[in-house]
C-alpha atoms as a PDB file:
ATOM      1  CA  MET A   1     -23.448 -32.041   4.806  1.00  0.00           C
ATOM      2  CA  LYS A   2     -21.418 -34.414   1.910  1.00  0.00           C
ATOM      3  CA  LYS A   3     -23.618 -32.121  -0.736  1.00  0.00           C
ATOM      4  CA  ILE A   4     -22.238 -28.676   0.494  1.00  0.00           C
ATOM      5  CA  ILE A   5     -18.728 -29.562   0.553  1.00  0.00           C
ATOM      6  CA  ILE A   6     -18.915 -30.722  -2.497  1.00  0.00           C
ATOM      7  CA  THR A   7     -20.357 -27.497  -3.376  1.00  0.00           C
ATOM      8  CA  LEU A   8     -18.111 -25.409  -1.766  1.00  0.00           C
ATOM      9  CA  ILE A   9     -15.061 -27.528  -3.069  1.00  0.00           C
ATOM     10  CA  VAL A  10     -16.404 -26.935  -6.864  1.00  0.00           C
ATOM     11  CA  LEU A  11     -17.048 -23.470  -6.018  1.00  0.00           C
ATOM     12  CA  PHE A  12     -13.617 -22.916  -5.281  1.00  0.00           C
ATOM     13  CA  GLY A  13     -12.047 -24.887  -8.118  1.00  0.00           C
ATOM     14  CA  LEU A  14     -14.721 -21.995 -10.788  1.00  0.00           C
ATOM     15  CA  ILE A  15     -13.462 -18.737  -8.824  1.00  0.00           C
ATOM     16  CA  GLN A  16      -9.988 -20.054  -9.537  1.00  0.00           C
ATOM     17  CA  LEU A  17     -10.924 -19.585 -13.278  1.00  0.00           C
ATOM     18  CA  VAL A  18     -11.915 -15.714 -12.497  1.00  0.00           C
ATOM     19  CA  PRO A  19      -8.228 -13.991 -13.455  1.00  0.00           C
ATOM     20  CA  TYR A  20      -9.202 -10.215 -11.736  1.00  0.00           C
ATOM     21  CA  GLY A  21      -5.833  -9.970  -8.566  1.00  0.00           C
ATOM     22  CA  LYS A  22      -3.562 -12.464 -10.312  1.00  0.00           C
ATOM     23  CA  GLU A  23      -1.200 -10.020 -12.250  1.00  0.00           C
ATOM     24  CA  THR A  24       2.325 -10.191 -10.603  1.00  0.00           C
ATOM     25  CA  SER A  25       4.103  -7.620 -12.512  1.00  0.00           C
ATOM     26  CA  ASN A  26       4.528  -3.807 -11.520  1.00  0.00           C
ATOM     27  CA  PRO A  27       3.769  -0.949 -13.893  1.00  0.00           C
ATOM     28  CA  LYS A  28       7.615   0.891 -14.557  1.00  0.00           C
ATOM     29  CA  VAL A  29       8.395   3.388 -11.751  1.00  0.00           C
ATOM     30  CA  MET A  30       8.143   6.778 -13.591  1.00  0.00           C
ATOM     31  CA  ALA A  31       9.148   8.850 -11.132  1.00  0.00           C
ATOM     32  CA  GLU A  32      10.301   8.972  -7.179  1.00  0.00           C
ATOM     33  CA  PRO A  33      10.042  12.005  -4.379  1.00  0.00           C
ATOM     34  CA  LYS A  34      13.308  13.136  -2.861  1.00  0.00           C
ATOM     35  CA  TRP A  35      13.221  11.377  -0.088  1.00  0.00           C
ATOM     36  CA  ASP A  36      14.284  13.281   2.994  1.00  0.00           C
ATOM     37  CA  SER A  37      17.099  10.260   4.167  1.00  0.00           C
ATOM     38  CA  ALA A  38      17.569   6.372   3.043  1.00  0.00           C
ATOM     39  CA  LYS A  39      15.741   5.785   6.321  1.00  0.00           C
ATOM     40  CA  THR A  40      12.875   6.290   5.697  1.00  0.00           C
ATOM     41  CA  LYS A  41      12.523   5.027   2.060  1.00  0.00           C
ATOM     42  CA  GLU A  42      14.126   1.378   3.218  1.00  0.00           C
ATOM     43  CA  LEU A  43      10.926   1.870   6.408  1.00  0.00           C
ATOM     44  CA  PHE A  44       8.633   2.585   3.799  1.00  0.00           C
ATOM     45  CA  MET A  45      10.134   0.029   1.062  1.00  0.00           C
ATOM     46  CA  ARG A  46      10.167  -2.332   3.670  1.00  0.00           C
ATOM     47  CA  GLY A  47       6.557  -1.755   5.480  1.00  0.00           C
ATOM     48  CA  CYS A  48       4.397   0.691   2.621  1.00  0.00           C
ATOM     49  CA  ALA A  49       5.833   0.067  -0.952  1.00  0.00           C
ATOM     50  CA  ASP A  50       3.858  -3.001  -1.443  1.00  0.00           C
ATOM     51  CA  CYS A  51       0.824  -1.251  -2.306  1.00  0.00           C
ATOM     52  CA  HIS A  52       1.843   2.553  -2.580  1.00  0.00           C
ATOM     53  CA  SER A  53       4.617   2.285  -5.604  1.00  0.00           C
ATOM     54  CA  HIS A  54       5.045  -0.091  -8.460  1.00  0.00           C
ATOM     55  CA  GLU A  55       7.645  -1.993  -6.199  1.00  0.00           C
ATOM     56  CA  THR A  56       5.077  -4.663  -4.922  1.00  0.00           C
ATOM     57  CA  LYS A  57       6.036  -7.792  -4.080  1.00  0.00           C
ATOM     58  CA  TYR A  58       3.277 -10.369  -4.586  1.00  0.00           C
ATOM     59  CA  PRO A  59       3.292 -13.314  -2.615  1.00  0.00           C
ATOM     60  CA  TRP A  60       2.823 -16.875  -3.492  1.00  0.00           C
ATOM     61  CA  TYR A  61      -1.021 -16.766  -2.452  1.00  0.00           C
ATOM     62  CA  ASN A  62      -1.547 -13.958  -5.357  1.00  0.00           C
ATOM     63  CA  GLN A  63      -2.941 -16.930  -7.074  1.00  0.00           C
ATOM     64  CA  ILE A  64      -5.435 -18.104  -5.093  1.00  0.00           C
ATOM     65  CA  ALA A  65      -8.828 -16.645  -5.378  1.00  0.00           C
ATOM     66  CA  PRO A  66     -10.565 -15.239  -2.637  1.00  0.00           C
ATOM     67  CA  ILE A  67      -7.417 -13.756  -1.448  1.00  0.00           C
ATOM     68  CA  SER A  68      -5.745 -12.632  -5.218  1.00  0.00           C
ATOM     69  CA  TRP A  69      -9.132 -10.481  -5.673  1.00  0.00           C
ATOM     70  CA  LEU A  70      -7.923  -8.733  -1.583  1.00  0.00           C
ATOM     71  CA  ILE A  71      -4.497  -8.335  -2.750  1.00  0.00           C
ATOM     72  CA  ALA A  72      -5.657  -6.056  -6.061  1.00  0.00           C
ATOM     73  CA  ASN A  73      -7.754  -4.693  -4.392  1.00  0.00           C
ATOM     74  CA  HIS A  74      -5.554  -2.993  -1.768  1.00  0.00           C
ATOM     75  CA  ILE A  75      -2.749  -2.633  -4.309  1.00  0.00           C
ATOM     76  CA  GLU A  76      -5.253  -0.548  -7.202  1.00  0.00           C
ATOM     77  CA  GLU A  77      -6.623   1.376  -3.888  1.00  0.00           C
ATOM     78  CA  GLY A  78      -3.392   2.250  -1.950  1.00  0.00           C
ATOM     79  CA  ARG A  79      -1.825   3.069  -5.723  1.00  0.00           C
ATOM     80  CA  GLU A  80      -4.868   5.248  -6.750  1.00  0.00           C
ATOM     81  CA  HIS A  81      -3.931   7.337  -3.369  1.00  0.00           C
ATOM     82  CA  PHE A  82      -0.492   7.401  -2.567  1.00  0.00           C
ATOM     83  CA  ASN A  83       1.835   6.474  -4.877  1.00  0.00           C
ATOM     84  CA  VAL A  84       5.310   6.827  -5.106  1.00  0.00           C
ATOM     85  CA  SER A  85       6.550   5.672  -8.297  1.00  0.00           C
ATOM     86  CA  MET A  86       4.212   8.663 -10.053  1.00  0.00           C
ATOM     87  CA  TRP A  87       5.215  11.106  -7.766  1.00  0.00           C
ATOM     88  CA  GLY A  88       4.610  14.613  -9.297  1.00  0.00           C
ATOM     89  CA  ILE A  89       2.880  12.562 -12.797  1.00  0.00           C
ATOM     90  CA  GLN A  90      -0.451  11.521 -10.837  1.00  0.00           C
ATOM     91  CA  LYS A  91      -3.243  14.153  -9.941  1.00  0.00           C
ATOM     92  CA  LYS A  92      -3.993  12.727  -6.947  1.00  0.00           C
ATOM     93  CA  ASN A  93      -0.996  11.772  -4.570  1.00  0.00           C
ATOM     94  CA  ASP A  94      -1.795  12.365  -0.936  1.00  0.00           C
ATOM     95  CA  GLY A  95       1.225  12.269   0.338  1.00  0.00           C
ATOM     96  CA  ASP A  96       0.452  14.641   2.971  1.00  0.00           C
ATOM     97  CA  GLU A  97      -1.567  12.383   4.645  1.00  0.00           C
ATOM     98  CA  ALA A  98       1.007   9.609   5.229  1.00  0.00           C
ATOM     99  CA  ALA A  99       2.477  10.615   8.234  1.00  0.00           C
ATOM    100  CA  LYS A 100      -0.927  10.954   9.855  1.00  0.00           C
ATOM    101  CA  GLU A 101      -2.117   7.621   8.724  1.00  0.00           C
ATOM    102  CA  VAL A 102       0.783   5.891  10.385  1.00  0.00           C
ATOM    103  CA  GLU A 103       0.811   7.780  13.566  1.00  0.00           C
ATOM    104  CA  GLU A 104      -3.029   6.545  13.926  1.00  0.00           C
ATOM    105  CA  GLY A 105      -2.470   3.647  12.537  1.00  0.00           C
ATOM    106  CA  GLU A 106      -4.367   3.192   9.910  1.00  0.00           C
ATOM    107  CA  MET A 107      -1.234   2.111   7.925  1.00  0.00           C
ATOM    108  CA  PRO A 108       0.436  -0.247   7.400  1.00  0.00           C
ATOM    109  CA  LEU A 109      -3.132  -2.019   7.276  1.00  0.00           C
ATOM    110  CA  SER A 110      -3.269  -5.203  10.124  1.00  0.00           C
ATOM    111  CA  SER A 111      -4.489  -7.746   7.774  1.00  0.00           C
ATOM    112  CA  TYR A 112      -1.277  -6.619   5.925  1.00  0.00           C
ATOM    113  CA  LEU A 113       0.721  -7.243   8.545  1.00  0.00           C
ATOM    114  CA  ILE A 114      -0.628 -10.550   9.692  1.00  0.00           C
ATOM    115  CA  ALA A 115       1.178 -12.116   6.642  1.00  0.00           C
ATOM    116  CA  HIS A 116       3.936  -9.264   6.455  1.00  0.00           C
ATOM    117  CA  PRO A 117       5.469  -9.636   9.949  1.00  0.00           C
ATOM    118  CA  GLU A 118       8.831  -6.997   8.198  1.00  0.00           C
ATOM    119  CA  ALA A 119       6.542  -4.667   7.826  1.00  0.00           C
ATOM    120  CA  ARG A 120       5.466  -4.322  11.388  1.00  0.00           C
ATOM    121  CA  PHE A 121       7.939  -1.300  12.913  1.00  0.00           C
ATOM    122  CA  THR A 122       9.510  -0.659  16.536  1.00  0.00           C
ATOM    123  CA  LYS A 123       8.085   2.222  18.717  1.00  0.00           C
ATOM    124  CA  GLU A 124      11.817   4.233  17.126  1.00  0.00           C
ATOM    125  CA  GLU A 125      11.368   2.868  13.432  1.00  0.00           C
ATOM    126  CA  LYS A 126       7.544   4.253  13.971  1.00  0.00           C
ATOM    127  CA  ALA A 127       8.809   7.596  15.116  1.00  0.00           C
ATOM    128  CA  LEU A 128      11.507   7.936  12.254  1.00  0.00           C
ATOM    129  CA  LEU A 129       9.183   6.653   9.665  1.00  0.00           C
ATOM    130  CA  ILE A 130       6.657   9.405  10.160  1.00  0.00           C
ATOM    131  CA  GLU A 131       8.909  12.142  11.217  1.00  0.00           C
ATOM    132  CA  GLY A 132      10.860  10.785   7.754  1.00  0.00           C
ATOM    133  CA  LEU A 133       6.721  11.140   5.646  1.00  0.00           C
ATOM    134  CA  LYS A 134       6.395  14.527   6.939  1.00  0.00           C
ATOM    135  CA  LYS A 135       9.912  15.618   5.839  1.00  0.00           C
ATOM    136  CA  THR A 136       9.593  14.113   2.894  1.00  0.00           C
ATOM    137  CA  PHE A 137       5.717  15.035   1.950  1.00  0.00           C
ATOM    138  CA  GLY A 138       4.539  17.749   4.127  1.00  0.00           C
ATOM    139  CA  GLU A 139       1.671  17.498   6.896  1.00  0.00           C
ATOM    140  CA  GLU A 140      -2.001  17.224   5.544  1.00  0.00           C
ATOM    141  CA  LYS A 141      -2.328  20.791   8.145  1.00  0.00           C
ATOM    142  CA  GLU A 142       0.259  22.363   5.438  1.00  0.00           C
ATOM    143  CA  HIS A 143      -1.401  21.239   2.137  1.00  0.00           C
ATOM    144  CA  ASN A 144      -4.720  22.421   3.819  1.00  0.00           C
ATOM    145  CA  GLU A 145      -3.487  25.945   4.748  1.00  0.00           C
ATOM    146  CA  LYS A 146      -1.985  26.245   1.388  1.00  0.00           C
ATOM    147  CA  GLU A 147      -5.080  25.199  -0.271  1.00  0.00           C
ATOM    148  CA  GLU A 148      -6.986  28.225   1.591  1.00  0.00           C
ATOM    149  CA  HIS A 149      -4.230  31.096   0.824  1.00  0.00           C
ATOM    150  CA  GLU A 150      -4.536  30.268  -2.941  1.00  0.00           C
ATOM    151  CA  ASP A 151      -8.115  30.958  -2.980  1.00  0.00           C
END
């Protein structure tokens, strides 16, 4: 048992040497959407911006692997699909899916909410955010209909 504990401690120490996920700077904000209201932007920044913008607030535990790897992966994936700091510049920007993701409880991620209680919305805030996201980015249904009419 003692050898297993020592081995685990050594492995934990060694994975700290892997630099992936320990970045704490953000790229420059290139462009932002025209928000329908200041309230929508406020709610978005509180519950979504860490993964869906270049305004990530990195927690202290972002320096500890393997947690840092998970955080980096979430941020990379989040920015790849929907990034308000690259609005109109990034080719793939699934803003039209944002309201649906929040409405269905897919976003914010439950793992994010554990460490970020400020991202928990009341029913009223969630309804305001969903409506604001729809007004700001449109809805997935509208997006798909537009593509069908363009063909």
